[in-house]
Amino acid sequence: MLDLFFLIFCYLSVFDIKIKGTDKFFFDYMELENTNCIKGIFVWLIVFSHKKNYIKNPKYLYIQIIRYLGQNIVSMFFFYSSFGI
């Protein structure tokens, strides 16, 4: 059940992603409006990271992914949050 919820979260995170194409570039990729959704993704990843401490069965896929990412989740959230300040 938790793996399914995590996979749905991952799918929704990349659902409406736009790819510009070759030799093209989004010049506004670090604007505040464009980074809010990225910060939201990292907030949910932090929630998942805190939730893993209460799970008794460590065989879930999302626990292995969260352990692999570790503190990089928090550092990327801080990076995107402070960029808008």
PDB file of N, CA and C in Angstrom:
ATOM      1  N   MET A   1       0.822  -1.194   0.000  1.00  0.00           N
ATOM      2  CA  MET A   1       0.000   0.000   0.000  1.00  0.00           C
ATOM      3  C   MET A   1       0.868   1.262   0.000  1.00  0.00           C
ATOM      4  N   LEU A   2       1.911   1.265   0.838  1.00  0.00           N
ATOM      5  CA  LEU A   2       2.782   2.434   0.889  1.00  0.00           C
ATOM      6  C   LEU A   2       3.585   2.605  -0.389  1.00  0.00           C
ATOM      7  N   ASP A   3       4.024   1.487  -0.964  1.00  0.00           N
ATOM      8  CA  ASP A   3       4.734   1.580  -2.234  1.00  0.00           C
ATOM      9  C   ASP A   3       3.826   2.126  -3.332  1.00  0.00           C
ATOM     10  N   LEU A   4       2.573   1.723  -3.325  1.00  0.00           N
ATOM     11  CA  LEU A   4       1.623   2.221  -4.313  1.00  0.00           C
ATOM     12  C   LEU A   4       1.417   3.727  -4.151  1.00  0.00           C
ATOM     13  N   PHE A   5       1.268   4.187  -2.913  1.00  0.00           N
ATOM     14  CA  PHE A   5       1.110   5.615  -2.658  1.00  0.00           C
ATOM     15  C   PHE A   5       2.354   6.381  -3.104  1.00  0.00           C
ATOM     16  N   PHE A   6       3.531   5.828  -2.852  1.00  0.00           N
ATOM     17  CA  PHE A   6       4.782   6.474  -3.262  1.00  0.00           C
ATOM     18  C   PHE A   6       4.900   6.509  -4.783  1.00  0.00           C
ATOM     19  N   LEU A   7       4.521   5.443  -5.464  1.00  0.00           N
ATOM     20  CA  LEU A   7       4.584   5.426  -6.919  1.00  0.00           C
ATOM     21  C   LEU A   7       3.574   6.391  -7.537  1.00  0.00           C
ATOM     22  N   ILE A   8       2.407   6.526  -6.929  1.00  0.00           N
ATOM     23  CA  ILE A   8       1.434   7.526  -7.389  1.00  0.00           C
ATOM     24  C   ILE A   8       1.999   8.929  -7.208  1.00  0.00           C
ATOM     25  N   PHE A   9       2.664   9.168  -6.084  1.00  0.00           N
ATOM     26  CA  PHE A   9       3.309  10.461  -5.849  1.00  0.00           C
ATOM     27  C   PHE A   9       4.366  10.733  -6.921  1.00  0.00           C
ATOM     28  N   CYS A  10       5.188   9.739  -7.239  1.00  0.00           N
ATOM     29  CA  CYS A  10       6.217   9.912  -8.262  1.00  0.00           C
ATOM     30  C   CYS A  10       5.594  10.197  -9.626  1.00  0.00           C
ATOM     31  N   TYR A  11       4.525   9.497  -9.946  1.00  0.00           N
ATOM     32  CA  TYR A  11       3.838   9.727 -11.220  1.00  0.00           C
ATOM     33  C   TYR A  11       3.265  11.143 -11.282  1.00  0.00           C
ATOM     34  N   LEU A  12       2.632  11.589 -10.216  1.00  0.00           N
ATOM     35  CA  LEU A  12       2.058  12.934 -10.198  1.00  0.00           C
ATOM     36  C   LEU A  12       3.129  14.012 -10.233  1.00  0.00           C
ATOM     37  N   SER A  13       4.319  13.694  -9.747  1.00  0.00           N
ATOM     38  CA  SER A  13       5.413  14.665  -9.761  1.00  0.00           C
ATOM     39  C   SER A  13       5.900  14.964 -11.172  1.00  0.00           C
ATOM     40  N   VAL A  14       5.802  14.000 -12.059  1.00  0.00           N
ATOM     41  CA  VAL A  14       6.291  14.196 -13.427  1.00  0.00           C
ATOM     42  C   VAL A  14       5.155  14.172 -14.452  1.00  0.00           C
ATOM     43  N   PHE A  15       3.927  14.317 -14.012  1.00  0.00           N
ATOM     44  CA  PHE A  15       2.759  14.178 -14.884  1.00  0.00           C
ATOM     45  C   PHE A  15       2.741  15.194 -16.017  1.00  0.00           C
ATOM     46  N   ASP A  16       2.882  16.466 -15.715  1.00  0.00           N
ATOM     47  CA  ASP A  16       2.742  17.516 -16.726  1.00  0.00           C
ATOM     48  C   ASP A  16       4.084  18.174 -17.027  1.00  0.00           C
ATOM     49  N   ILE A  17       5.131  17.368 -17.073  1.00  0.00           N
ATOM     50  CA  ILE A  17       6.468  17.898 -17.303  1.00  0.00           C
ATOM     51  C   ILE A  17       6.594  18.307 -18.772  1.00  0.00           C
ATOM     52  N   LYS A  18       7.312  19.386 -19.010  1.00  0.00           N
ATOM     53  CA  LYS A  18       7.493  19.892 -20.364  1.00  0.00           C
ATOM     54  C   LYS A  18       8.964  19.757 -20.753  1.00  0.00           C
ATOM     55  N   ILE A  19       9.192  19.233 -21.930  1.00  0.00           N
ATOM     56  CA  ILE A  19      10.547  19.103 -22.464  1.00  0.00           C
ATOM     57  C   ILE A  19      10.650  20.060 -23.641  1.00  0.00           C
ATOM     58  N   LYS A  20      11.631  20.936 -23.579  1.00  0.00           N
ATOM     59  CA  LYS A  20      11.749  21.995 -24.569  1.00  0.00           C
ATOM     60  C   LYS A  20      12.223  21.471 -25.920  1.00  0.00           C
ATOM     61  N   GLY A  21      13.142  20.550 -25.941  1.00  0.00           N
ATOM     62  CA  GLY A  21      13.658  20.027 -27.196  1.00  0.00           C
ATOM     63  C   GLY A  21      15.155  20.266 -27.302  1.00  0.00           C
ATOM     64  N   THR A  22      15.725  19.838 -28.399  1.00  0.00           N
ATOM     65  CA  THR A  22      17.163  19.988 -28.573  1.00  0.00           C
ATOM     66  C   THR A  22      17.508  21.423 -28.937  1.00  0.00           C
ATOM     67  N   ASP A  23      18.631  21.879 -28.431  1.00  0.00           N
ATOM     68  CA  ASP A  23      19.159  23.231 -28.673  1.00  0.00           C
ATOM     69  C   ASP A  23      18.202  24.332 -28.237  1.00  0.00           C
ATOM     70  N   LYS A  24      17.343  24.046 -27.290  1.00  0.00           N
ATOM     71  CA  LYS A  24      16.439  25.048 -26.728  1.00  0.00           C
ATOM     72  C   LYS A  24      16.593  25.009 -25.223  1.00  0.00           C
ATOM     73  N   PHE A  25      16.185  26.078 -24.544  1.00  0.00           N
ATOM     74  CA  PHE A  25      16.442  26.188 -23.120  1.00  0.00           C
ATOM     75  C   PHE A  25      15.355  27.027 -22.467  1.00  0.00           C
ATOM     76  N   PHE A  26      14.900  26.597 -21.300  1.00  0.00           N
ATOM     77  CA  PHE A  26      13.987  27.416 -20.498  1.00  0.00           C
ATOM     78  C   PHE A  26      14.839  28.412 -19.706  1.00  0.00           C
ATOM     79  N   PHE A  27      14.784  29.671 -20.067  1.00  0.00           N
ATOM     80  CA  PHE A  27      15.602  30.664 -19.381  1.00  0.00           C
ATOM     81  C   PHE A  27      15.035  31.056 -18.024  1.00  0.00           C
ATOM     82  N   ASP A  28      13.781  30.740 -17.754  1.00  0.00           N
ATOM     83  CA  ASP A  28      13.155  31.102 -16.481  1.00  0.00           C
ATOM     84  C   ASP A  28      13.011  29.896 -15.557  1.00  0.00           C
ATOM     85  N   TYR A  29      13.898  28.934 -15.676  1.00  0.00           N
ATOM     86  CA  TYR A  29      13.741  27.692 -14.904  1.00  0.00           C
ATOM     87  C   TYR A  29      13.939  27.893 -13.409  1.00  0.00           C
ATOM     88  N   MET A  30      14.601  28.959 -12.985  1.00  0.00           N
ATOM     89  CA  MET A  30      14.813  29.194 -11.556  1.00  0.00           C
ATOM     90  C   MET A  30      13.957  30.339 -11.022  1.00  0.00           C
ATOM     91  N   GLU A  31      12.934  30.727 -11.728  1.00  0.00           N
ATOM     92  CA  GLU A  31      12.005  31.741 -11.229  1.00  0.00           C
ATOM     93  C   GLU A  31      11.219  31.172 -10.057  1.00  0.00           C
ATOM     94  N   LEU A  32      10.738  32.044  -9.185  1.00  0.00           N
ATOM     95  CA  LEU A  32      10.020  31.630  -7.987  1.00  0.00           C
ATOM     96  C   LEU A  32       8.779  30.812  -8.332  1.00  0.00           C
ATOM     97  N   GLU A  33       8.050  31.206  -9.353  1.00  0.00           N
ATOM     98  CA  GLU A  33       6.839  30.479  -9.724  1.00  0.00           C
ATOM     99  C   GLU A  33       7.153  29.072 -10.233  1.00  0.00           C
ATOM    100  N   ASN A  34       8.301  28.902 -10.849  1.00  0.00           N
ATOM    101  CA  ASN A  34       8.668  27.599 -11.394  1.00  0.00           C
ATOM    102  C   ASN A  34       9.283  26.669 -10.351  1.00  0.00           C
ATOM    103  N   THR A  35       9.818  27.217  -9.278  1.00  0.00           N
ATOM    104  CA  THR A  35      10.445  26.365  -8.267  1.00  0.00           C
ATOM    105  C   THR A  35       9.488  25.987  -7.144  1.00  0.00           C
ATOM    106  N   ASN A  36       8.318  26.583  -7.088  1.00  0.00           N
ATOM    107  CA  ASN A  36       7.366  26.228  -6.030  1.00  0.00           C
ATOM    108  C   ASN A  36       6.928  24.774  -6.123  1.00  0.00           C
ATOM    109  N   CYS A  37       6.710  24.282  -7.328  1.00  0.00           N
ATOM    110  CA  CYS A  37       6.310  22.881  -7.458  1.00  0.00           C
ATOM    111  C   CYS A  37       7.454  21.947  -7.070  1.00  0.00           C
ATOM    112  N   ILE A  38       8.678  22.335  -7.354  1.00  0.00           N
ATOM    113  CA  ILE A  38       9.827  21.512  -6.961  1.00  0.00           C
ATOM    114  C   ILE A  38       9.960  21.484  -5.445  1.00  0.00           C
ATOM    115  N   LYS A  39       9.745  22.627  -4.801  1.00  0.00           N
ATOM    116  CA  LYS A  39       9.779  22.655  -3.334  1.00  0.00           C
ATOM    117  C   LYS A  39       8.681  21.780  -2.747  1.00  0.00           C
ATOM    118  N   GLY A  40       7.514  21.763  -3.368  1.00  0.00           N
ATOM    119  CA  GLY A  40       6.434  20.903  -2.899  1.00  0.00           C
ATOM    120  C   GLY A  40       6.789  19.436  -2.993  1.00  0.00           C
ATOM    121  N   ILE A  41       7.459  19.055  -4.072  1.00  0.00           N
ATOM    122  CA  ILE A  41       7.906  17.664  -4.211  1.00  0.00           C
ATOM    123  C   ILE A  41       8.870  17.308  -3.090  1.00  0.00           C
ATOM    124  N   PHE A  42       9.809  18.182  -2.802  1.00  0.00           N
ATOM    125  CA  PHE A  42      10.780  17.897  -1.748  1.00  0.00           C
ATOM    126  C   PHE A  42      10.141  17.916  -0.366  1.00  0.00           C
ATOM    127  N   VAL A  43       9.118  18.732  -0.157  1.00  0.00           N
ATOM    128  CA  VAL A  43       8.400  18.694   1.127  1.00  0.00           C
ATOM    129  C   VAL A  43       7.765  17.330   1.328  1.00  0.00           C
ATOM    130  N   TRP A  44       7.128  16.800   0.275  1.00  0.00           N
ATOM    131  CA  TRP A  44       6.527  15.468   0.392  1.00  0.00           C
ATOM    132  C   TRP A  44       7.578  14.391   0.589  1.00  0.00           C
ATOM    133  N   LEU A  45       8.727  14.538  -0.053  1.00  0.00           N
ATOM    134  CA  LEU A  45       9.805  13.569   0.177  1.00  0.00           C
ATOM    135  C   LEU A  45      10.309  13.628   1.614  1.00  0.00           C
ATOM    136  N   ILE A  46      10.336  14.816   2.203  1.00  0.00           N
ATOM    137  CA  ILE A  46      10.718  14.937   3.611  1.00  0.00           C
ATOM    138  C   ILE A  46       9.676  14.277   4.506  1.00  0.00           C
ATOM    139  N   VAL A  47       8.399  14.437   4.166  1.00  0.00           N
ATOM    140  CA  VAL A  47       7.338  13.758   4.931  1.00  0.00           C
ATOM    141  C   VAL A  47       7.508  12.246   4.833  1.00  0.00           C
ATOM    142  N   PHE A  48       7.777  11.739   3.630  1.00  0.00           N
ATOM    143  CA  PHE A  48       8.028  10.308   3.469  1.00  0.00           C
ATOM    144  C   PHE A  48       9.242   9.871   4.283  1.00  0.00           C
ATOM    145  N   SER A  49      10.261  10.721   4.325  1.00  0.00           N
ATOM    146  CA  SER A  49      11.458  10.383   5.081  1.00  0.00           C
ATOM    147  C   SER A  49      11.176  10.284   6.571  1.00  0.00           C
ATOM    148  N   HIS A  50      10.355  11.179   7.099  1.00  0.00           N
ATOM    149  CA  HIS A  50      10.007  11.110   8.518  1.00  0.00           C
ATOM    150  C   HIS A  50       9.094   9.918   8.802  1.00  0.00           C
ATOM    151  N   LYS A  51       8.281   9.546   7.846  1.00  0.00           N
ATOM    152  CA  LYS A  51       7.355   8.434   8.043  1.00  0.00           C
ATOM    153  C   LYS A  51       8.074   7.090   8.075  1.00  0.00           C
ATOM    154  N   LYS A  52       9.231   6.992   7.445  1.00  0.00           N
ATOM    155  CA  LYS A  52       9.938   5.711   7.397  1.00  0.00           C
ATOM    156  C   LYS A  52      10.393   5.242   8.772  1.00  0.00           C
ATOM    157  N   ASN A  53      10.499   6.134   9.723  1.00  0.00           N
ATOM    158  CA  ASN A  53      10.910   5.749  11.077  1.00  0.00           C
ATOM    159  C   ASN A  53       9.829   4.964  11.810  1.00  0.00           C
ATOM    160  N   TYR A  54       8.595   5.050  11.367  1.00  0.00           N
ATOM    161  CA  TYR A  54       7.491   4.373  12.037  1.00  0.00           C
ATOM    162  C   TYR A  54       7.114   3.050  11.367  1.00  0.00           C
ATOM    163  N   ILE A  55       7.794   2.685  10.303  1.00  0.00           N
ATOM    164  CA  ILE A  55       7.490   1.461   9.567  1.00  0.00           C
ATOM    165  C   ILE A  55       8.353   0.327  10.112  1.00  0.00           C
ATOM    166  N   LYS A  56       7.728  -0.776  10.428  1.00  0.00           N
ATOM    167  CA  LYS A  56       8.444  -1.921  10.981  1.00  0.00           C
ATOM    168  C   LYS A  56       9.076  -2.788   9.892  1.00  0.00           C
ATOM    169  N   ASN A  57       8.452  -2.845   8.709  1.00  0.00           N
ATOM    170  CA  ASN A  57       8.929  -3.697   7.621  1.00  0.00           C
ATOM    171  C   ASN A  57       9.794  -2.861   6.669  1.00  0.00           C
ATOM    172  N   PRO A  58      11.122  -3.027   6.685  1.00  0.00           N
ATOM    173  CA  PRO A  58      11.983  -2.185   5.838  1.00  0.00           C
ATOM    174  C   PRO A  58      12.079  -2.658   4.392  1.00  0.00           C
ATOM    175  N   LYS A  59      11.198  -3.542   3.953  1.00  0.00           N
ATOM    176  CA  LYS A  59      11.274  -4.068   2.597  1.00  0.00           C
ATOM    177  C   LYS A  59      10.510  -3.224   1.584  1.00  0.00           C
ATOM    178  N   TYR A  60       9.882  -2.157   2.017  1.00  0.00           N
ATOM    179  CA  TYR A  60       9.162  -1.303   1.086  1.00  0.00           C
ATOM    180  C   TYR A  60      10.141  -0.610   0.144  1.00  0.00           C
ATOM    181  N   LEU A  61       9.713  -0.432  -1.092  1.00  0.00           N
ATOM    182  CA  LEU A  61      10.549   0.209  -2.101  1.00  0.00           C
ATOM    183  C   LEU A  61      10.859   1.657  -1.723  1.00  0.00           C
ATOM    184  N   TYR A  62       9.873   2.365  -1.235  1.00  0.00           N
ATOM    185  CA  TYR A  62      10.091   3.783  -0.951  1.00  0.00           C
ATOM    186  C   TYR A  62      11.061   3.983   0.202  1.00  0.00           C
ATOM    187  N   ILE A  63      11.130   3.056   1.144  1.00  0.00           N
ATOM    188  CA  ILE A  63      12.098   3.175   2.244  1.00  0.00           C
ATOM    189  C   ILE A  63      13.511   3.037   1.700  1.00  0.00           C
ATOM    190  N   GLN A  64      13.716   2.131   0.769  1.00  0.00           N
ATOM    191  CA  GLN A  64      15.041   1.972   0.171  1.00  0.00           C
ATOM    192  C   GLN A  64      15.438   3.208  -0.636  1.00  0.00           C
ATOM    193  N   ILE A  65      14.482   3.791  -1.338  1.00  0.00           N
ATOM    194  CA  ILE A  65      14.769   4.999  -2.121  1.00  0.00           C
ATOM    195  C   ILE A  65      15.072   6.172  -1.205  1.00  0.00           C
ATOM    196  N   ILE A  66      14.268   6.352  -0.157  1.00  0.00           N
ATOM    197  CA  ILE A  66      14.485   7.461   0.778  1.00  0.00           C
ATOM    198  C   ILE A  66      15.820   7.308   1.497  1.00  0.00           C
ATOM    199  N   ARG A  67      16.182   6.104   1.886  1.00  0.00           N
ATOM    200  CA  ARG A  67      17.483   5.887   2.532  1.00  0.00           C
ATOM    201  C   ARG A  67      18.625   6.185   1.570  1.00  0.00           C
ATOM    202  N   TYR A  68      18.446   5.856   0.303  1.00  0.00           N
ATOM    203  CA  TYR A  68      19.477   6.136  -0.693  1.00  0.00           C
ATOM    204  C   TYR A  68      19.645   7.648  -0.881  1.00  0.00           C
ATOM    205  N   LEU A  69      18.546   8.372  -0.931  1.00  0.00           N
ATOM    206  CA  LEU A  69      18.616   9.825  -1.122  1.00  0.00           C
ATOM    207  C   LEU A  69      19.124  10.540   0.114  1.00  0.00           C
ATOM    208  N   GLY A  70      18.734  10.070   1.285  1.00  0.00           N
ATOM    209  CA  GLY A  70      19.254  10.598   2.545  1.00  0.00           C
ATOM    210  C   GLY A  70      19.016  12.085   2.734  1.00  0.00           C
ATOM    211  N   GLN A  71      20.063  12.779   3.150  1.00  0.00           N
ATOM    212  CA  GLN A  71      19.967  14.203   3.431  1.00  0.00           C
ATOM    213  C   GLN A  71      19.996  15.069   2.176  1.00  0.00           C
ATOM    214  N   ASN A  72      20.197  14.455   1.022  1.00  0.00           N
ATOM    215  CA  ASN A  72      20.155  15.224  -0.227  1.00  0.00           C
ATOM    216  C   ASN A  72      18.778  15.819  -0.461  1.00  0.00           C
ATOM    217  N   ILE A  73      17.751  15.182   0.054  1.00  0.00           N
ATOM    218  CA  ILE A  73      16.388  15.711  -0.072  1.00  0.00           C
ATOM    219  C   ILE A  73      16.295  17.058   0.628  1.00  0.00           C
ATOM    220  N   VAL A  74      16.796  17.124   1.841  1.00  0.00           N
ATOM    221  CA  VAL A  74      16.719  18.359   2.623  1.00  0.00           C
ATOM    222  C   VAL A  74      17.612  19.434   2.015  1.00  0.00           C
ATOM    223  N   SER A  75      18.790  19.066   1.564  1.00  0.00           N
ATOM    224  CA  SER A  75      19.688  20.068   0.993  1.00  0.00           C
ATOM    225  C   SER A  75      19.110  20.673  -0.290  1.00  0.00           C
ATOM    226  N   MET A  76      18.454  19.858  -1.112  1.00  0.00           N
ATOM    227  CA  MET A  76      17.841  20.415  -2.314  1.00  0.00           C
ATOM    228  C   MET A  76      16.636  21.289  -1.979  1.00  0.00           C
ATOM    229  N   PHE A  77      15.888  20.919  -0.947  1.00  0.00           N
ATOM    230  CA  PHE A  77      14.780  21.768  -0.518  1.00  0.00           C
ATOM    231  C   PHE A  77      15.305  23.119  -0.040  1.00  0.00           C
ATOM    232  N   PHE A  78      16.370  23.107   0.752  1.00  0.00           N
ATOM    233  CA  PHE A  78      16.951  24.373   1.215  1.00  0.00           C
ATOM    234  C   PHE A  78      17.496  25.191   0.051  1.00  0.00           C
ATOM    235  N   PHE A  79      18.096  24.534  -0.930  1.00  0.00           N
ATOM    236  CA  PHE A  79      18.616  25.245  -2.087  1.00  0.00           C
ATOM    237  C   PHE A  79      17.501  25.976  -2.828  1.00  0.00           C
ATOM    238  N   TYR A  80      16.420  25.267  -3.125  1.00  0.00           N
ATOM    239  CA  TYR A  80      15.317  25.893  -3.858  1.00  0.00           C
ATOM    240  C   TYR A  80      14.575  26.903  -3.009  1.00  0.00           C
ATOM    241  N   SER A  81      14.518  26.708  -1.710  1.00  0.00           N
ATOM    242  CA  SER A  81      13.822  27.668  -0.847  1.00  0.00           C
ATOM    243  C   SER A  81      14.610  28.951  -0.702  1.00  0.00           C
ATOM    244  N   SER A  82      15.897  28.852  -0.524  1.00  0.00           N
ATOM    245  CA  SER A  82      16.689  30.074  -0.311  1.00  0.00           C
ATOM    246  C   SER A  82      16.927  30.817  -1.612  1.00  0.00           C
ATOM    247  N   PHE A  83      16.776  30.160  -2.733  1.00  0.00           N
ATOM    248  CA  PHE A  83      16.957  30.860  -4.003  1.00  0.00           C
ATOM    249  C   PHE A  83      15.882  31.917  -4.195  1.00  0.00           C
ATOM    250  N   GLY A  84      14.701  31.692  -3.676  1.00  0.00           N
ATOM    251  CA  GLY A  84      13.608  32.637  -3.818  1.00  0.00           C
ATOM    252  C   GLY A  84      13.646  33.775  -2.803  1.00  0.00           C
ATOM    253  N   ILE A  85      14.531  33.696  -1.820  1.00  0.00           N
ATOM    254  CA  ILE A  85      14.569  34.724  -0.761  1.00  0.00           C
ATOM    255  C   ILE A  85      15.256  35.975  -1.244  1.00  0.00           C
TER     256      ILE A  85
END
